[in-house]
C-alpha cells in the first residue's frame, strides 16, 4: 500500500510500470509466497 502526496503523478507511475512490463515481457512472475500467512 502506498499513497502519493501529488495524485497527478499516478499517471507517471503507471507509465513507468508499463515500461518495466514492456521491457521484461514474460519474465515477470508473481512471488510464490505472496498472500501466504507469515506464521503458517
Protein backbone atom coordinates (compact mmCIF):
# COMPACT_ATOMS: atom_id res chain seq x y z
CA UNK A 1 0.00 0.00 0.00
CA UNK A 2 1.27 3.44 -0.81
CA UNK A 3 -0.02 6.97 -1.17
CA UNK A 4 1.14 9.87 -3.28
CA UNK A 5 1.08 13.42 -1.98
CA UNK A 6 0.63 14.53 -5.60
CA UNK A 7 -2.16 12.42 -7.13
CA UNK A 8 -1.40 13.71 -10.64
CA UNK A 9 1.81 11.66 -10.52
CA UNK A 10 -0.19 8.42 -10.64
CA UNK A 11 -0.13 8.61 -14.44
CA UNK A 12 3.67 8.76 -14.39
CA UNK A 13 3.84 5.77 -12.04
CA UNK A 14 1.57 3.78 -14.35
CA UNK A 15 3.66 4.72 -17.40
CA UNK A 16 6.81 3.57 -15.62
CA UNK A 17 5.12 0.29 -14.74
CA UNK A 18 4.09 -0.24 -18.35
CA UNK A 19 7.70 0.41 -19.39
CA UNK A 20 9.01 -2.23 -16.98
CA UNK A 21 6.44 -4.76 -18.21
CA UNK A 22 7.29 -3.99 -21.83
CA UNK A 23 11.00 -4.45 -21.16
CA UNK A 24 10.65 -7.71 -19.24
CA UNK A 25 7.83 -9.32 -21.21
CA UNK A 26 7.04 -12.81 -19.96
CA UNK A 27 9.84 -12.72 -17.39
CA UNK A 28 7.53 -11.08 -14.83
CA UNK A 29 6.13 -13.61 -12.37
CA UNK A 30 4.24 -13.41 -9.12
CA UNK A 31 6.01 -14.03 -5.85
CA UNK A 32 5.21 -17.67 -4.94
CA UNK A 33 4.55 -16.80 -1.30
CA UNK A 34 2.59 -13.57 -1.83
CA UNK A 35 -0.52 -13.57 0.34
CA UNK A 36 0.52 -16.52 2.48
CA UNK A 37 0.37 -16.06 6.24
CA UNK A 38 3.82 -15.41 7.70
CA UNK A 39 3.44 -17.94 10.51
CA UNK A 40 1.90 -20.94 8.79
